Structure formats: C-alpha cells, structure tokens
Amino acid sequence: MALSGRGAIAKELIIGFGFLNGLWIAIGLNPRDKLIEFLKLNLEGLSPALKIFFIILPIIFTLGSVFTMFKVFRSGGLFGIIAVLAAFAAGTLVLKDWRTSATFFVMAALMGLMTFKDKK
C-alpha cells in the first residue's frame, strides 16, 4: 500500500532529507562531494569553460537544501522542522547507539505524521 498525502510528505522529508543526510554524516561520506569529484575528473578535460560549472553546482545544491527546509516549514511548521531534525539526529546516531537512534526515528516519524499537512 503506497502512502499518499501526509504520509508521503512525511516519508519523503523525514526519511529522505532528515535520516539519510544524518546517516551519510555518520558514515563520513558526503554524496554531493563525491558527485562533484566524479564530474570534475570526467568533465574537466573537455573544456576549460566547464570550470564555472563546478562553482555553480555547490550553489545549486545549497539552494536545494534551503528550498527543502522551506518546504518542511511550509508543510509542517516548527514541529515539522523538529521532526526532520530528530530524524537527522537518528541518522547520525545509528552507528553509535542504535536504541537511541531508533527512539529518535520513531519520535520523528510520529511527529511527522501528525504535523505535516496535505498540500495539493
């Protein structure tokens, strides 16, 4: 059964933006940096004009994060932001203390389901 409405928004923001970003930090890997590194190695030799691309790309990623936080606030308000931050904390703690991580994650999921509004 696929989630729709509040469940889909909560799943996208809590798991995708909060928990997974925290998990990447816990692992010590930043997918954005790896993507930029990969593109730089493969595209830099093509044209010197592409160097501007590697200045603009991090700005685009940062704007995407700001837009997502705006989406969190617009959809869930302050409690939505707290839910995403709790999921982020759960992701960062998953390798150190899985019980605390699970507690934070369940708390974030419940808060997310209660606070995120259905925007159509």
Protein backbone atom coordinates (compact mmCIF):
# COMPACT_ATOMS: atom_id res chain seq x y z
CA MET A 1 0.00 0.00 0.00
CA ALA A 2 1.52 3.29 -1.08
CA LEU A 3 1.32 6.32 1.17
CA SER A 4 -0.41 9.42 -0.09
CA GLY A 5 -0.89 12.91 1.28
CA ARG A 6 0.62 13.47 4.72
CA GLY A 7 2.23 10.02 4.80
CA ALA A 8 4.11 10.59 1.55
CA ILE A 9 5.31 14.05 2.58
CA ALA A 10 6.42 12.77 5.98
CA LYS A 11 8.20 9.81 4.39
CA GLU A 12 9.98 11.99 1.84
CA LEU A 13 11.14 14.64 4.29
CA ILE A 14 11.73 12.56 7.42
CA ILE A 15 13.48 9.62 5.80
CA GLY A 16 14.93 11.23 2.69
CA PHE A 17 16.05 14.59 3.96
CA GLY A 18 16.48 14.01 7.69
CA PHE A 19 17.53 10.43 8.34
CA LEU A 20 19.58 9.75 5.22
CA ASN A 21 21.54 13.01 5.49
CA GLY A 22 22.36 12.13 9.09
CA LEU A 23 23.36 8.62 8.04
CA TRP A 24 25.75 9.97 5.40
CA ILE A 25 27.40 12.14 8.07
CA ALA A 26 27.65 9.15 10.44
CA ILE A 27 29.35 7.11 7.73
CA GLY A 28 31.67 10.00 6.92
CA LEU A 29 30.66 10.27 3.29
CA ASN A 30 29.14 13.24 1.52
CA PRO A 31 27.38 12.18 -1.72
CA ARG A 32 27.42 15.75 -3.04
CA ASP A 33 31.20 15.97 -2.73
CA LYS A 34 31.61 12.56 -4.38
CA LEU A 35 29.37 13.61 -7.28
CA ILE A 36 31.28 16.85 -7.80
CA GLU A 37 34.60 14.97 -7.62
CA PHE A 38 33.40 12.41 -10.17
CA LEU A 39 32.13 15.08 -12.57
CA LYS A 40 35.29 17.12 -12.17
CA LEU A 41 37.51 14.17 -13.06
CA ASN A 42 35.44 13.28 -16.11
CA LEU A 43 34.48 16.71 -17.46
CA GLU A 44 37.42 18.94 -16.63
CA GLY A 45 39.46 17.81 -19.63
CA LEU A 46 36.67 18.53 -22.10
CA SER A 47 36.68 22.31 -21.90
CA PRO A 48 38.14 24.96 -19.62
CA ALA A 49 34.80 26.76 -19.77
CA LEU A 50 33.27 23.98 -17.68
CA LYS A 51 35.15 25.17 -14.59
CA ILE A 52 32.33 27.64 -13.92
CA PHE A 53 30.03 24.61 -13.66
CA PHE A 54 31.95 23.44 -10.59
CA ILE A 55 31.46 26.84 -8.96
CA ILE A 56 27.73 26.90 -9.71
CA LEU A 57 26.97 23.27 -8.78
CA PRO A 58 27.59 23.65 -4.99
CA ILE A 59 25.45 26.80 -5.02
CA ILE A 60 22.63 24.83 -6.66
CA PHE A 61 22.94 22.09 -4.02
CA THR A 62 22.83 24.67 -1.23
CA LEU A 63 19.76 26.35 -2.73
CA GLY A 64 18.12 22.93 -2.97
CA SER A 65 18.69 22.36 0.74
CA VAL A 66 17.31 25.80 1.61
CA PHE A 67 14.26 25.14 -0.58
CA THR A 68 13.70 21.79 1.14
CA MET A 69 13.86 23.41 4.59
CA PHE A 70 11.32 25.98 3.37
CA LYS A 71 9.12 23.09 2.18
CA VAL A 72 9.46 21.46 5.61
CA PHE A 73 8.44 24.68 7.36
CA ARG A 74 5.56 25.36 4.96
CA SER A 75 4.21 21.82 5.23
CA GLY A 76 4.79 21.12 8.91
CA GLY A 77 5.67 24.34 10.66
CA LEU A 78 8.01 24.33 13.64
CA PHE A 79 7.08 20.77 14.62
CA GLY A 80 7.88 19.63 11.09
CA ILE A 81 11.36 21.11 11.40
CA ILE A 82 11.78 19.46 14.80
CA ALA A 83 10.67 16.13 13.28
CA VAL A 84 13.23 16.42 10.47
CA LEU A 85 15.96 17.40 12.95
CA ALA A 86 15.05 14.40 15.14
CA ALA A 87 15.33 12.15 12.08
CA PHE A 88 18.69 13.75 11.28
CA ALA A 89 19.84 13.03 14.85
CA ALA A 90 18.62 9.44 14.45
CA GLY A 91 20.73 9.08 11.30
CA THR A 92 23.86 10.46 12.94
CA LEU A 93 23.45 8.19 15.99
CA VAL A 94 22.63 4.95 14.16
CA LEU A 95 26.23 3.65 14.23
CA LYS A 96 26.92 4.71 17.83
CA ASP A 97 23.74 3.81 19.70
CA TRP A 98 21.03 2.10 17.69
CA ARG A 99 18.48 2.20 20.54
CA THR A 100 18.66 5.97 20.87
CA SER A 101 18.64 6.25 17.09
CA ALA A 102 15.50 4.11 16.85
CA THR A 103 13.83 6.18 19.57
CA PHE A 104 14.60 9.43 17.73
CA PHE A 105 13.43 7.93 14.44
CA VAL A 106 10.10 6.70 15.84
CA MET A 107 9.57 10.07 17.51
CA ALA A 108 10.34 11.85 14.22
CA ALA A 109 8.04 9.60 12.22
CA LEU A 110 5.13 10.06 14.62
CA MET A 111 5.64 13.83 14.79
CA GLY A 112 5.86 13.95 11.00
CA LEU A 113 2.64 12.03 10.51
CA MET A 114 0.84 14.28 12.99
CA THR A 115 2.16 17.63 11.77
CA PHE A 116 2.66 17.55 8.00
CA LYS A 117 -0.30 18.97 6.13
CA ASP A 118 -1.63 17.57 2.91
CA LYS A 119 -0.75 20.13 0.20
CA LYS A 120 -2.42 19.50 -3.15
